[in-house]
Amino acid sequence: MKTVKWFESTDCAELNIIKFKSISDEKVVGETTIKSKEAIKAIIDRIQALPANGDMMVKWGPKAERTHLSFQCQGKDSHVIQFIGNRVKTPSTGFLTEKTPAEDTLIRDIDSLVVPGLNKRILKLKDHPVKFKDFVITYIGTEHTPQDPKGPTVGPTNRTHFKIWENGAANNITLSIFDGQLPAQPQAFVVEKKFYYLLTYQNVAHESLSPNYFEVSDKLPKRR
């Protein structure tokens, strides 16, 4: 059997993601471009962790969703990987017989980047603008302060920074979320007189967000 692999080169400077309405309808329902080499490499690593030799052929119906990932890599033409019907199409052109949590989470994470929305867990990609209907939010970075060996025992702390722009506006606001001895608390912000909450610890479905995700909600998570 011929050995197949996901990528010839993993030195990629740009990732363009387009989600189409279906395999039979080329209407674009969402698209985004990632230019952080570090973020792209992290996505590549997750794809390469999946088996490359899918042995299951699937006949999809015309309404099956299709997402197109185009990687611009060093010394290569664009390299395309497709998600069809919430499954990853492997280099062997087949699909994996068993859908694993790793495949499921990867597809979910890519979908939330290309079609972001309220109450959707979104990957924190530094300096990558995530476009909602009425605003854009960008994760700027996290400042980590280690425990001072000569100071009081308060433990390490983090300040996580985001910028938010209202659509069409030149001005932005910065939200900084602090966590240390206590978990990070939701931070409220207002766009067009509507209140939203930025979550970085736990979402409304009580899923963990820290340290790799954030979520925007129009309601506060209920305490258990």
N, C-alpha and C. Protein backbone atom coordinates (compact mmCIF):
# COMPACT_ATOMS: atom_id res chain seq x y z
N MET A 1 0.84 -1.19 0.00
CA MET A 1 0.00 0.00 0.00
C MET A 1 0.89 1.25 0.00
N LYS A 2 0.57 2.21 -0.88
CA LYS A 2 1.34 3.44 -0.97
C LYS A 2 1.15 4.27 0.30
N THR A 3 2.27 4.77 0.83
CA THR A 3 2.20 5.60 2.02
C THR A 3 1.76 7.01 1.64
N VAL A 4 0.75 7.49 2.32
CA VAL A 4 0.27 8.84 2.06
C VAL A 4 0.50 9.68 3.31
N LYS A 5 0.64 10.98 3.11
CA LYS A 5 0.79 11.87 4.25
C LYS A 5 0.02 13.16 3.99
N TRP A 6 -0.27 13.85 5.07
CA TRP A 6 -1.11 15.04 4.99
C TRP A 6 -0.41 16.19 4.26
N PHE A 7 0.86 16.44 4.56
CA PHE A 7 1.57 17.61 4.04
C PHE A 7 2.96 17.22 3.53
N GLU A 8 3.35 17.84 2.41
CA GLU A 8 4.72 17.73 1.93
C GLU A 8 5.60 18.73 2.67
N SER A 9 5.04 19.91 2.95
CA SER A 9 5.75 20.95 3.70
C SER A 9 4.81 21.49 4.77
N THR A 10 5.36 21.72 5.95
CA THR A 10 4.56 22.29 7.03
C THR A 10 4.99 23.71 7.36
N ASP A 11 5.86 24.28 6.52
CA ASP A 11 6.28 25.67 6.70
C ASP A 11 5.30 26.55 5.93
N CYS A 12 4.20 26.88 6.57
CA CYS A 12 3.09 27.56 5.89
C CYS A 12 2.85 28.94 6.50
N ALA A 13 2.71 29.94 5.62
CA ALA A 13 2.59 31.33 6.08
C ALA A 13 1.16 31.84 6.08
N GLU A 14 0.26 31.10 5.46
CA GLU A 14 -1.13 31.59 5.38
C GLU A 14 -2.08 30.41 5.24
N LEU A 15 -3.23 30.54 5.89
CA LEU A 15 -4.28 29.53 5.80
C LEU A 15 -5.59 30.25 5.49
N ASN A 16 -6.15 29.95 4.33
CA ASN A 16 -7.45 30.51 3.95
C ASN A 16 -8.53 29.44 4.16
N ILE A 17 -9.57 29.81 4.87
CA ILE A 17 -10.66 28.87 5.17
C ILE A 17 -11.95 29.42 4.60
N ILE A 18 -12.64 28.62 3.80
CA ILE A 18 -13.93 29.01 3.24
C ILE A 18 -14.94 27.91 3.54
N LYS A 19 -16.08 28.30 4.07
CA LYS A 19 -17.16 27.34 4.28
C LYS A 19 -18.26 27.61 3.27
N PHE A 20 -18.60 26.58 2.49
CA PHE A 20 -19.67 26.69 1.50
C PHE A 20 -20.97 26.14 2.09
N LYS A 21 -22.07 26.56 1.50
CA LYS A 21 -23.37 26.11 2.01
C LYS A 21 -23.49 24.60 1.97
N SER A 22 -23.01 23.99 0.89
CA SER A 22 -23.07 22.53 0.76
C SER A 22 -22.16 22.09 -0.37
N ILE A 23 -22.05 20.81 -0.57
CA ILE A 23 -21.22 20.31 -1.67
C ILE A 23 -21.84 20.59 -3.04
N SER A 24 -23.13 20.93 -3.05
CA SER A 24 -23.80 21.23 -4.32
C SER A 24 -24.11 22.71 -4.48
N ASP A 25 -23.83 23.51 -3.45
CA ASP A 25 -24.13 24.94 -3.48
C ASP A 25 -22.86 25.71 -3.10
N GLU A 26 -22.30 26.47 -4.05
CA GLU A 26 -21.04 27.18 -3.84
C GLU A 26 -21.21 28.50 -3.10
N LYS A 27 -22.38 28.79 -2.57
CA LYS A 27 -22.57 30.02 -1.79
C LYS A 27 -21.65 29.99 -0.57
N VAL A 28 -20.87 31.06 -0.39
CA VAL A 28 -19.96 31.16 0.74
C VAL A 28 -20.73 31.64 1.97
N VAL A 29 -20.70 30.86 3.04
CA VAL A 29 -21.40 31.23 4.27
C VAL A 29 -20.44 31.75 5.33
N GLY A 30 -19.14 31.63 5.08
CA GLY A 30 -18.15 32.15 6.02
C GLY A 30 -16.75 31.95 5.47
N GLU A 31 -15.86 32.89 5.79
CA GLU A 31 -14.46 32.73 5.37
C GLU A 31 -13.56 33.55 6.29
N THR A 32 -12.32 33.11 6.41
CA THR A 32 -11.35 33.82 7.23
C THR A 32 -9.96 33.44 6.76
N THR A 33 -8.97 34.27 7.10
CA THR A 33 -7.58 34.02 6.76
C THR A 33 -6.73 34.11 8.01
N ILE A 34 -5.92 33.11 8.25
CA ILE A 34 -5.01 33.07 9.39
C ILE A 34 -3.59 33.28 8.87
N LYS A 35 -2.87 34.25 9.44
CA LYS A 35 -1.53 34.58 8.96
C LYS A 35 -0.45 34.33 10.00
N SER A 36 -0.82 33.84 11.16
CA SER A 36 0.16 33.50 12.18
C SER A 36 0.73 32.12 11.89
N LYS A 37 2.04 32.04 11.62
CA LYS A 37 2.68 30.76 11.32
C LYS A 37 2.56 29.81 12.51
N GLU A 38 2.63 30.37 13.70
CA GLU A 38 2.51 29.54 14.90
C GLU A 38 1.13 28.91 15.00
N ALA A 39 0.08 29.70 14.73
CA ALA A 39 -1.29 29.20 14.78
C ALA A 39 -1.53 28.16 13.68
N ILE A 40 -1.01 28.44 12.48
CA ILE A 40 -1.17 27.50 11.37
C ILE A 40 -0.48 26.18 11.68
N LYS A 41 0.73 26.26 12.25
CA LYS A 41 1.46 25.03 12.60
C LYS A 41 0.69 24.21 13.63
N ALA A 42 0.04 24.89 14.58
CA ALA A 42 -0.74 24.17 15.59
C ALA A 42 -1.91 23.43 14.95
N ILE A 43 -2.55 24.05 13.95
CA ILE A 43 -3.65 23.38 13.23
C ILE A 43 -3.12 22.22 12.40
N ILE A 44 -1.96 22.43 11.73
CA ILE A 44 -1.35 21.36 10.95
C ILE A 44 -1.02 20.16 11.85
N ASP A 45 -0.47 20.42 13.01
CA ASP A 45 -0.12 19.33 13.93
C ASP A 45 -1.35 18.52 14.32
N ARG A 46 -2.47 19.21 14.51
CA ARG A 46 -3.70 18.49 14.87
C ARG A 46 -4.22 17.66 13.70
N ILE A 47 -4.08 18.17 12.48
CA ILE A 47 -4.50 17.40 11.31
C ILE A 47 -3.60 16.18 11.14
N GLN A 48 -2.28 16.39 11.30
CA GLN A 48 -1.34 15.28 11.12
C GLN A 48 -1.45 14.22 12.20
N ALA A 49 -2.09 14.55 13.32
CA ALA A 49 -2.29 13.55 14.36
C ALA A 49 -3.38 12.55 13.98
N LEU A 50 -4.15 12.87 12.94
CA LEU A 50 -5.18 11.96 12.44
C LEU A 50 -4.57 11.01 11.41
N PRO A 51 -5.05 9.78 11.33
CA PRO A 51 -4.55 8.87 10.29
C PRO A 51 -4.77 9.46 8.90
N ALA A 52 -3.79 9.32 8.03
CA ALA A 52 -3.87 9.90 6.69
C ALA A 52 -4.51 8.97 5.68
N ASN A 53 -4.69 7.69 6.05
CA ASN A 53 -5.21 6.70 5.12
C ASN A 53 -6.64 6.33 5.49
N GLY A 54 -7.59 7.18 5.14
CA GLY A 54 -8.99 6.87 5.40
C GLY A 54 -9.47 5.75 4.50
N ASP A 55 -10.12 4.76 5.07
CA ASP A 55 -10.51 3.58 4.29
C ASP A 55 -12.00 3.49 4.05
N MET A 56 -12.75 4.55 4.38
CA MET A 56 -14.19 4.50 4.20
C MET A 56 -14.62 5.50 3.12
N MET A 57 -15.31 5.02 2.11
CA MET A 57 -15.86 5.88 1.08
C MET A 57 -17.29 6.24 1.45
N VAL A 58 -17.64 7.51 1.25
CA VAL A 58 -18.97 7.99 1.64
C VAL A 58 -19.63 8.67 0.45
N LYS A 59 -20.88 8.36 0.21
CA LYS A 59 -21.66 9.05 -0.82
C LYS A 59 -22.52 10.09 -0.11
N TRP A 60 -22.07 11.34 -0.20
CA TRP A 60 -22.75 12.41 0.52
C TRP A 60 -23.97 12.91 -0.24
N GLY A 61 -24.99 13.31 0.49
CA GLY A 61 -26.15 13.94 -0.11
C GLY A 61 -25.82 15.36 -0.53
N PRO A 62 -26.64 15.99 -1.35
CA PRO A 62 -26.34 17.33 -1.88
C PRO A 62 -26.30 18.42 -0.81
N LYS A 63 -26.87 18.17 0.38
CA LYS A 63 -26.90 19.20 1.41
C LYS A 63 -25.76 19.07 2.42
N ALA A 64 -24.85 18.13 2.21
CA ALA A 64 -23.72 17.97 3.12
C ALA A 64 -22.84 19.22 3.09
N GLU A 65 -22.45 19.72 4.26
CA GLU A 65 -21.62 20.92 4.34
C GLU A 65 -20.20 20.63 3.83
N ARG A 66 -19.56 21.69 3.30
CA ARG A 66 -18.19 21.55 2.82
C ARG A 66 -17.37 22.76 3.27
N THR A 67 -16.21 22.49 3.88
CA THR A 67 -15.28 23.53 4.28
C THR A 67 -13.95 23.28 3.61
N HIS A 68 -13.39 24.33 3.03
CA HIS A 68 -12.19 24.26 2.18
C HIS A 68 -11.05 24.96 2.92
N LEU A 69 -9.98 24.22 3.25
CA LEU A 69 -8.81 24.79 3.91
C LEU A 69 -7.67 24.81 2.90
N SER A 70 -7.17 26.01 2.59
CA SER A 70 -6.10 26.16 1.61
C SER A 70 -4.86 26.71 2.31
N PHE A 71 -3.81 25.89 2.37
CA PHE A 71 -2.55 26.25 3.04
C PHE A 71 -1.55 26.75 2.01
N GLN A 72 -0.97 27.93 2.27
CA GLN A 72 0.09 28.47 1.42
C GLN A 72 1.42 28.15 2.09
N CYS A 73 2.16 27.18 1.53
CA CYS A 73 3.35 26.65 2.19
C CYS A 73 4.61 26.91 1.37
N GLN A 74 5.73 26.91 2.05
CA GLN A 74 7.02 27.22 1.43
C GLN A 74 7.34 26.26 0.28
N GLY A 75 7.62 26.83 -0.89
CA GLY A 75 8.05 26.04 -2.04
C GLY A 75 6.98 25.17 -2.65
N LYS A 76 5.71 25.39 -2.29
CA LYS A 76 4.63 24.55 -2.80
C LYS A 76 3.48 25.41 -3.28
N ASP A 77 2.71 24.85 -4.21
CA ASP A 77 1.43 25.47 -4.55
C ASP A 77 0.50 25.29 -3.36
N SER A 78 -0.64 25.95 -3.39
CA SER A 78 -1.56 25.84 -2.27
C SER A 78 -1.94 24.38 -2.04
N HIS A 79 -2.00 24.02 -0.79
CA HIS A 79 -2.32 22.65 -0.39
C HIS A 79 -3.71 22.66 0.24
N VAL A 80 -4.62 21.85 -0.31
CA VAL A 80 -6.03 21.92 0.09
C VAL A 80 -6.44 20.68 0.89
N ILE A 81 -7.15 20.92 1.98
CA ILE A 81 -7.79 19.87 2.76
C ILE A 81 -9.25 20.25 2.90
N GLN A 82 -10.12 19.26 2.80
CA GLN A 82 -11.55 19.54 2.86
C GLN A 82 -12.22 18.80 4.02
N PHE A 83 -13.18 19.48 4.63
CA PHE A 83 -14.10 18.86 5.58
C PHE A 83 -15.44 18.73 4.87
N ILE A 84 -15.97 17.54 4.83
CA ILE A 84 -17.27 17.32 4.18
C ILE A 84 -18.19 16.59 5.16
N GLY A 85 -19.38 17.13 5.34
CA GLY A 85 -20.34 16.50 6.23
C GLY A 85 -19.80 16.30 7.63
N ASN A 86 -19.03 17.28 8.11
CA ASN A 86 -18.42 17.21 9.45
C ASN A 86 -17.46 16.03 9.60
N ARG A 87 -16.80 15.67 8.50
CA ARG A 87 -15.74 14.68 8.52
C ARG A 87 -14.56 15.22 7.72
N VAL A 88 -13.36 14.75 8.06
CA VAL A 88 -12.15 15.19 7.37
C VAL A 88 -11.85 14.23 6.21
N LYS A 89 -11.71 14.78 5.01
CA LYS A 89 -11.34 13.96 3.86
C LYS A 89 -9.83 13.76 3.89
N THR A 90 -9.38 12.53 3.93
CA THR A 90 -7.95 12.23 4.09
C THR A 90 -7.23 12.27 2.73
N PRO A 91 -5.90 12.30 2.73
CA PRO A 91 -5.14 12.30 1.46
C PRO A 91 -5.42 11.10 0.58
N SER A 92 -5.87 9.99 1.17
CA SER A 92 -6.20 8.82 0.37
C SER A 92 -7.57 8.95 -0.29
N THR A 93 -8.23 10.11 -0.10
CA THR A 93 -9.56 10.46 -0.61
C THR A 93 -10.69 9.79 0.15
N GLY A 94 -10.37 8.91 1.08
CA GLY A 94 -11.41 8.29 1.89
C GLY A 94 -11.59 9.05 3.21
N PHE A 95 -12.48 8.51 4.04
CA PHE A 95 -12.76 9.10 5.34
C PHE A 95 -12.45 8.06 6.41
N LEU A 96 -12.19 8.53 7.62
CA LEU A 96 -11.88 7.62 8.71
C LEU A 96 -13.13 6.87 9.15
N THR A 97 -12.99 5.58 9.33
CA THR A 97 -14.14 4.76 9.70
C THR A 97 -14.73 5.20 11.03
N GLU A 98 -13.85 5.45 11.98
CA GLU A 98 -14.30 5.86 13.31
C GLU A 98 -14.00 7.34 13.52
N LYS A 99 -15.04 8.11 13.85
CA LYS A 99 -14.85 9.53 14.13
C LYS A 99 -14.39 9.68 15.57
N THR A 100 -13.20 10.21 15.75
CA THR A 100 -12.61 10.33 17.08
C THR A 100 -12.90 11.70 17.68
N PRO A 101 -12.74 11.83 19.01
CA PRO A 101 -12.89 13.16 19.62
C PRO A 101 -11.93 14.19 19.03
N ALA A 102 -10.72 13.76 18.63
CA ALA A 102 -9.75 14.69 18.05
C ALA A 102 -10.26 15.27 16.73
N GLU A 103 -10.84 14.42 15.89
CA GLU A 103 -11.40 14.89 14.62
C GLU A 103 -12.60 15.79 14.87
N ASP A 104 -13.46 15.39 15.78
CA ASP A 104 -14.67 16.16 16.08
C ASP A 104 -14.31 17.55 16.62
N THR A 105 -13.33 17.61 17.53
CA THR A 105 -12.93 18.90 18.11
C THR A 105 -12.26 19.79 17.07
N LEU A 106 -11.43 19.21 16.21
CA LEU A 106 -10.77 19.97 15.15
C LEU A 106 -11.81 20.63 14.24
N ILE A 107 -12.79 19.88 13.79
CA ILE A 107 -13.82 20.41 12.90
C ILE A 107 -14.61 21.51 13.62
N ARG A 108 -14.94 21.29 14.87
CA ARG A 108 -15.68 22.28 15.65
C ARG A 108 -14.86 23.57 15.79
N ASP A 109 -13.57 23.46 16.06
CA ASP A 109 -12.72 24.63 16.24
C ASP A 109 -12.59 25.42 14.94
N ILE A 110 -12.41 24.74 13.82
CA ILE A 110 -12.30 25.42 12.53
C ILE A 110 -13.62 26.12 12.19
N ASP A 111 -14.72 25.45 12.45
CA ASP A 111 -16.04 26.02 12.14
C ASP A 111 -16.29 27.29 12.93
N SER A 112 -15.88 27.32 14.20
CA SER A 112 -16.12 28.51 15.03
C SER A 112 -15.24 29.68 14.59
N LEU A 113 -14.10 29.41 13.95
CA LEU A 113 -13.27 30.48 13.43
C LEU A 113 -13.84 31.07 12.14
N VAL A 114 -14.38 30.21 11.30
CA VAL A 114 -14.86 30.68 10.00
C VAL A 114 -16.29 31.20 10.08
N VAL A 115 -17.09 30.67 11.01
CA VAL A 115 -18.46 31.15 11.22
C VAL A 115 -18.66 31.40 12.71
N PRO A 116 -18.03 32.45 13.25
CA PRO A 116 -18.16 32.70 14.68
C PRO A 116 -19.57 33.13 15.05
N GLY A 117 -19.93 32.91 16.29
CA GLY A 117 -21.25 33.30 16.76
C GLY A 117 -21.29 33.27 18.27
N LEU A 118 -22.36 33.79 18.83
CA LEU A 118 -22.52 33.78 20.27
C LEU A 118 -22.59 32.34 20.78
N ASN A 119 -22.04 32.15 21.97
CA ASN A 119 -22.09 30.85 22.65
C ASN A 119 -21.40 29.74 21.86
N LYS A 120 -20.37 30.13 21.08
CA LYS A 120 -19.54 29.16 20.38
C LYS A 120 -18.12 29.28 20.92
N ARG A 121 -17.52 28.17 21.28
CA ARG A 121 -16.15 28.16 21.80
C ARG A 121 -15.18 28.46 20.66
N ILE A 122 -14.33 29.51 20.85
CA ILE A 122 -13.46 29.98 19.78
C ILE A 122 -12.01 29.91 20.21
N LEU A 123 -11.16 29.39 19.34
CA LEU A 123 -9.73 29.30 19.61
C LEU A 123 -9.11 30.68 19.81
N LYS A 124 -8.24 30.81 20.79
CA LYS A 124 -7.49 32.04 20.99
C LYS A 124 -6.27 32.02 20.06
N LEU A 125 -6.34 32.75 18.96
CA LEU A 125 -5.22 32.89 18.04
C LEU A 125 -4.75 34.33 18.12
N LYS A 126 -3.51 34.53 18.56
CA LYS A 126 -3.00 35.87 18.81
C LYS A 126 -3.07 36.74 17.55
N ASP A 127 -3.65 37.94 17.72
CA ASP A 127 -3.76 38.96 16.67
C ASP A 127 -4.67 38.56 15.51
N HIS A 128 -5.47 37.52 15.69
CA HIS A 128 -6.40 37.11 14.62
C HIS A 128 -7.77 37.71 14.87
N PRO A 129 -8.27 38.59 13.98
CA PRO A 129 -9.58 39.21 14.19
C PRO A 129 -10.72 38.22 13.93
N VAL A 130 -11.62 38.12 14.89
CA VAL A 130 -12.79 37.24 14.77
C VAL A 130 -14.01 38.12 14.56
N LYS A 131 -14.67 37.97 13.43
CA LYS A 131 -15.71 38.90 13.00
C LYS A 131 -17.10 38.38 13.34
N PHE A 132 -17.74 39.05 14.30
CA PHE A 132 -19.13 38.78 14.63
C PHE A 132 -20.02 39.70 13.80
N LYS A 133 -21.32 39.57 13.98
CA LYS A 133 -22.26 40.35 13.18
C LYS A 133 -22.08 41.85 13.40
N ASP A 134 -21.92 42.29 14.66
CA ASP A 134 -21.89 43.72 14.97
C ASP A 134 -20.54 44.22 15.47
N PHE A 135 -19.57 43.33 15.62
CA PHE A 135 -18.27 43.75 16.16
C PHE A 135 -17.19 42.76 15.78
N VAL A 136 -15.94 43.18 16.00
CA VAL A 136 -14.77 42.33 15.77
C VAL A 136 -14.01 42.24 17.08
N ILE A 137 -13.58 41.04 17.44
CA ILE A 137 -12.81 40.86 18.67
C ILE A 137 -11.49 40.15 18.34
N THR A 138 -10.41 40.64 18.94
CA THR A 138 -9.08 40.09 18.68
C THR A 138 -8.39 39.79 20.00
N TYR A 139 -7.87 38.58 20.12
CA TYR A 139 -7.06 38.21 21.28
C TYR A 139 -5.66 38.80 21.08
N ILE A 140 -5.23 39.63 22.02
CA ILE A 140 -3.96 40.34 21.89
C ILE A 140 -2.80 39.58 22.54
N GLY A 141 -3.07 38.90 23.63
CA GLY A 141 -2.01 38.16 24.30
C GLY A 141 -2.27 38.05 25.79
N THR A 142 -1.42 37.28 26.47
CA THR A 142 -1.56 37.05 27.90
C THR A 142 -0.24 37.37 28.60
N GLU A 143 -0.32 38.14 29.67
CA GLU A 143 0.83 38.45 30.51
C GLU A 143 0.82 37.51 31.71
N HIS A 144 1.88 36.76 31.86
CA HIS A 144 1.98 35.81 32.98
C HIS A 144 2.96 36.35 34.01
N THR A 145 2.51 36.41 35.26
CA THR A 145 3.37 36.84 36.36
C THR A 145 3.57 35.65 37.30
N PRO A 146 4.79 35.13 37.40
CA PRO A 146 5.02 33.96 38.26
C PRO A 146 4.96 34.35 39.74
N GLN A 147 4.84 33.33 40.57
CA GLN A 147 4.87 33.53 42.01
C GLN A 147 6.21 34.14 42.43
N ASP A 148 6.15 35.22 43.21
CA ASP A 148 7.36 35.84 43.74
C ASP A 148 7.88 34.98 44.90
N PRO A 149 9.07 34.37 44.76
CA PRO A 149 9.56 33.49 45.83
C PRO A 149 9.79 34.22 47.15
N LYS A 150 9.93 35.55 47.10
CA LYS A 150 10.18 36.31 48.33
C LYS A 150 8.91 37.01 48.83
N GLY A 151 7.84 36.90 48.08
CA GLY A 151 6.63 37.61 48.45
C GLY A 151 5.61 36.69 49.11
N PRO A 152 4.41 37.21 49.36
CA PRO A 152 3.34 36.38 49.95
C PRO A 152 2.90 35.29 48.98
N THR A 153 2.35 34.23 49.51
CA THR A 153 1.92 33.09 48.68
C THR A 153 0.58 33.42 48.04
N VAL A 154 0.64 34.04 46.89
CA VAL A 154 -0.60 34.38 46.17
C VAL A 154 -0.70 33.57 44.87
N GLY A 155 0.37 32.88 44.51
CA GLY A 155 0.34 32.07 43.29
C GLY A 155 0.58 32.91 42.05
N PRO A 156 0.80 32.26 40.90
CA PRO A 156 1.00 32.98 39.64
C PRO A 156 -0.29 33.64 39.19
N THR A 157 -0.17 34.69 38.39
CA THR A 157 -1.35 35.39 37.88
C THR A 157 -1.22 35.59 36.37
N ASN A 158 -2.36 35.82 35.73
CA ASN A 158 -2.40 36.07 34.29
C ASN A 158 -3.33 37.23 34.00
N ARG A 159 -2.95 38.04 33.03
CA ARG A 159 -3.85 39.06 32.49
C ARG A 159 -3.97 38.81 30.99
N THR A 160 -5.18 38.52 30.56
CA THR A 160 -5.44 38.19 29.16
C THR A 160 -6.15 39.38 28.51
N HIS A 161 -5.61 39.84 27.38
CA HIS A 161 -6.08 41.09 26.77
C HIS A 161 -6.77 40.82 25.42
N PHE A 162 -7.88 41.53 25.23
CA PHE A 162 -8.64 41.49 23.98
C PHE A 162 -8.94 42.92 23.54
N LYS A 163 -9.03 43.12 22.23
CA LYS A 163 -9.53 44.39 21.69
C LYS A 163 -10.84 44.13 20.95
N ILE A 164 -11.77 45.09 21.07
CA ILE A 164 -13.09 44.95 20.46
C ILE A 164 -13.40 46.20 19.66
N TRP A 165 -13.77 46.02 18.39
CA TRP A 165 -14.19 47.12 17.52
C TRP A 165 -15.66 46.92 17.14
N GLU A 166 -16.44 47.98 17.24
CA GLU A 166 -17.78 47.96 16.66
C GLU A 166 -17.63 48.07 15.16
N ASN A 167 -18.44 47.34 14.41
CA ASN A 167 -18.33 47.35 12.95
C ASN A 167 -18.41 48.78 12.41
N GLY A 168 -17.45 49.14 11.56
CA GLY A 168 -17.44 50.46 10.94
C GLY A 168 -16.85 51.56 11.80
N ALA A 169 -16.46 51.25 13.03
CA ALA A 169 -15.92 52.26 13.93
C ALA A 169 -14.40 52.22 13.93
N ALA A 170 -13.78 53.38 14.11
CA ALA A 170 -12.32 53.45 14.15
C ALA A 170 -11.80 53.17 15.55
N ASN A 171 -12.60 53.48 16.56
CA ASN A 171 -12.16 53.31 17.94
C ASN A 171 -12.38 51.88 18.42
N ASN A 172 -11.58 51.48 19.39
CA ASN A 172 -11.74 50.16 19.97
C ASN A 172 -11.63 50.25 21.48
N ILE A 173 -12.07 49.20 22.15
CA ILE A 173 -11.91 49.11 23.59
C ILE A 173 -11.04 47.91 23.90
N THR A 174 -10.33 47.97 25.00
CA THR A 174 -9.50 46.86 25.45
C THR A 174 -10.10 46.26 26.71
N LEU A 175 -10.28 44.96 26.70
CA LEU A 175 -10.73 44.24 27.89
C LEU A 175 -9.58 43.39 28.41
N SER A 176 -9.30 43.51 29.68
CA SER A 176 -8.25 42.70 30.31
C SER A 176 -8.87 41.84 31.39
N ILE A 177 -8.66 40.54 31.27
CA ILE A 177 -9.27 39.59 32.20
C ILE A 177 -8.18 39.01 33.09
N PHE A 178 -8.38 39.12 34.39
CA PHE A 178 -7.39 38.71 35.39
C PHE A 178 -7.79 37.37 35.99
N ASP A 179 -6.81 36.50 36.17
CA ASP A 179 -7.04 35.29 36.95
C ASP A 179 -5.80 34.97 37.77
N GLY A 180 -6.02 34.46 38.94
CA GLY A 180 -4.94 34.11 39.85
C GLY A 180 -5.43 33.06 40.82
N GLN A 181 -5.62 33.46 42.08
CA GLN A 181 -6.17 32.52 43.05
C GLN A 181 -7.61 32.15 42.72
N LEU A 182 -8.32 33.10 42.07
CA LEU A 182 -9.71 32.86 41.66
C LEU A 182 -9.77 32.73 40.14
N PRO A 183 -10.71 31.95 39.61
CA PRO A 183 -10.84 31.82 38.16
C PRO A 183 -11.19 33.16 37.51
N ALA A 184 -10.87 33.29 36.23
CA ALA A 184 -11.20 34.50 35.47
C ALA A 184 -12.71 34.70 35.44
N GLN A 185 -13.13 35.93 35.68
CA GLN A 185 -14.55 36.25 35.72
C GLN A 185 -15.02 36.80 34.36
N PRO A 186 -16.30 36.62 34.00
CA PRO A 186 -16.82 37.19 32.75
C PRO A 186 -16.68 38.71 32.76
N GLN A 187 -16.37 39.27 31.60
CA GLN A 187 -16.24 40.72 31.45
C GLN A 187 -17.31 41.22 30.49
N ALA A 188 -18.08 42.21 30.94
CA ALA A 188 -19.16 42.75 30.12
C ALA A 188 -18.65 43.84 29.19
N PHE A 189 -19.25 43.94 28.01
CA PHE A 189 -19.01 45.07 27.12
C PHE A 189 -20.30 45.36 26.36
N VAL A 190 -20.39 46.56 25.80
CA VAL A 190 -21.63 47.02 25.16
C VAL A 190 -21.35 47.38 23.71
N VAL A 191 -22.19 46.88 22.81
CA VAL A 191 -22.13 47.24 21.40
C VAL A 191 -23.56 47.59 20.97
N GLU A 192 -23.74 48.80 20.47
CA GLU A 192 -25.06 49.26 20.02
C GLU A 192 -26.13 49.03 21.10
N LYS A 193 -25.76 49.40 22.33
CA LYS A 193 -26.65 49.34 23.49
C LYS A 193 -27.00 47.92 23.91
N LYS A 194 -26.32 46.94 23.36
CA LYS A 194 -26.55 45.54 23.75
C LYS A 194 -25.37 45.06 24.60
N PHE A 195 -25.70 44.37 25.68
CA PHE A 195 -24.68 43.83 26.57
C PHE A 195 -24.23 42.45 26.10
N TYR A 196 -22.90 42.27 26.11
CA TYR A 196 -22.31 40.96 25.83
C TYR A 196 -21.33 40.63 26.96
N TYR A 197 -20.98 39.34 27.06
CA TYR A 197 -20.05 38.89 28.08
C TYR A 197 -18.93 38.10 27.43
N LEU A 198 -17.70 38.49 27.75
CA LEU A 198 -16.53 37.76 27.27
C LEU A 198 -16.12 36.75 28.33
N LEU A 199 -16.07 35.49 27.94
CA LEU A 199 -15.79 34.39 28.87
C LEU A 199 -14.47 33.72 28.49
N THR A 200 -13.63 33.45 29.49
CA THR A 200 -12.36 32.77 29.23
C THR A 200 -12.11 31.59 30.15
N TYR A 201 -12.99 31.39 31.13
CA TYR A 201 -12.80 30.29 32.08
C TYR A 201 -13.76 29.13 31.83
N GLN A 202 -15.04 29.45 31.73
CA GLN A 202 -16.06 28.43 31.51
C GLN A 202 -17.19 29.06 30.71
N ASN A 203 -17.76 28.28 29.78
CA ASN A 203 -18.82 28.85 28.95
C ASN A 203 -20.21 28.53 29.51
N VAL A 204 -21.23 28.94 28.78
CA VAL A 204 -22.61 28.77 29.27
C VAL A 204 -23.02 27.30 29.31
N ALA A 205 -22.31 26.45 28.56
CA ALA A 205 -22.58 25.02 28.59
C ALA A 205 -21.73 24.30 29.63
N HIS A 206 -21.01 25.09 30.45
CA HIS A 206 -20.15 24.58 31.52
C HIS A 206 -18.98 23.76 30.98
N GLU A 207 -18.55 24.09 29.75
CA GLU A 207 -17.33 23.51 29.20
C GLU A 207 -16.15 24.39 29.60
N SER A 208 -15.00 23.78 29.80
CA SER A 208 -13.79 24.53 30.14
C SER A 208 -13.30 25.31 28.92
N LEU A 209 -12.91 26.57 29.13
CA LEU A 209 -12.35 27.40 28.07
C LEU A 209 -10.85 27.63 28.24
N SER A 210 -10.40 27.68 29.48
CA SER A 210 -9.00 27.96 29.78
C SER A 210 -8.11 26.76 29.46
N PRO A 211 -6.95 26.97 28.84
CA PRO A 211 -6.34 28.25 28.46
C PRO A 211 -6.46 28.59 26.98
N ASN A 212 -7.11 27.72 26.17
CA ASN A 212 -6.99 27.84 24.71
C ASN A 212 -8.17 28.50 24.02
N TYR A 213 -9.26 28.76 24.74
CA TYR A 213 -10.48 29.24 24.09
C TYR A 213 -11.03 30.48 24.77
N PHE A 214 -11.92 31.16 24.04
CA PHE A 214 -12.78 32.17 24.64
C PHE A 214 -14.17 32.04 24.02
N GLU A 215 -15.12 32.72 24.62
CA GLU A 215 -16.48 32.66 24.12
C GLU A 215 -17.15 34.00 24.38
N VAL A 216 -18.01 34.41 23.47
CA VAL A 216 -18.82 35.61 23.66
C VAL A 216 -20.27 35.18 23.80
N SER A 217 -20.92 35.69 24.84
CA SER A 217 -22.30 35.30 25.11
C SER A 217 -23.14 36.54 25.40
N ASP A 218 -24.44 36.41 25.19
CA ASP A 218 -25.35 37.49 25.58
C ASP A 218 -25.98 37.21 26.95
N LYS A 219 -25.45 36.20 27.62
CA LYS A 219 -25.94 35.90 28.96
C LYS A 219 -24.80 35.34 29.80
N LEU A 220 -24.93 35.49 31.10
CA LEU A 220 -23.91 35.00 32.01
C LEU A 220 -24.11 33.51 32.27
N PRO A 221 -23.01 32.75 32.41
CA PRO A 221 -23.15 31.33 32.77
C PRO A 221 -23.77 31.20 34.16
N LYS A 222 -24.62 30.22 34.30
CA LYS A 222 -25.22 29.96 35.62
C LYS A 222 -24.25 29.18 36.47
N ARG A 223 -24.15 29.59 37.73
CA ARG A 223 -23.27 28.88 38.64
C ARG A 223 -23.90 27.56 39.04
N ARG A 224 -23.04 26.54 39.14
CA ARG A 224 -23.51 25.23 39.57
C ARG A 224 -23.41 25.10 41.08
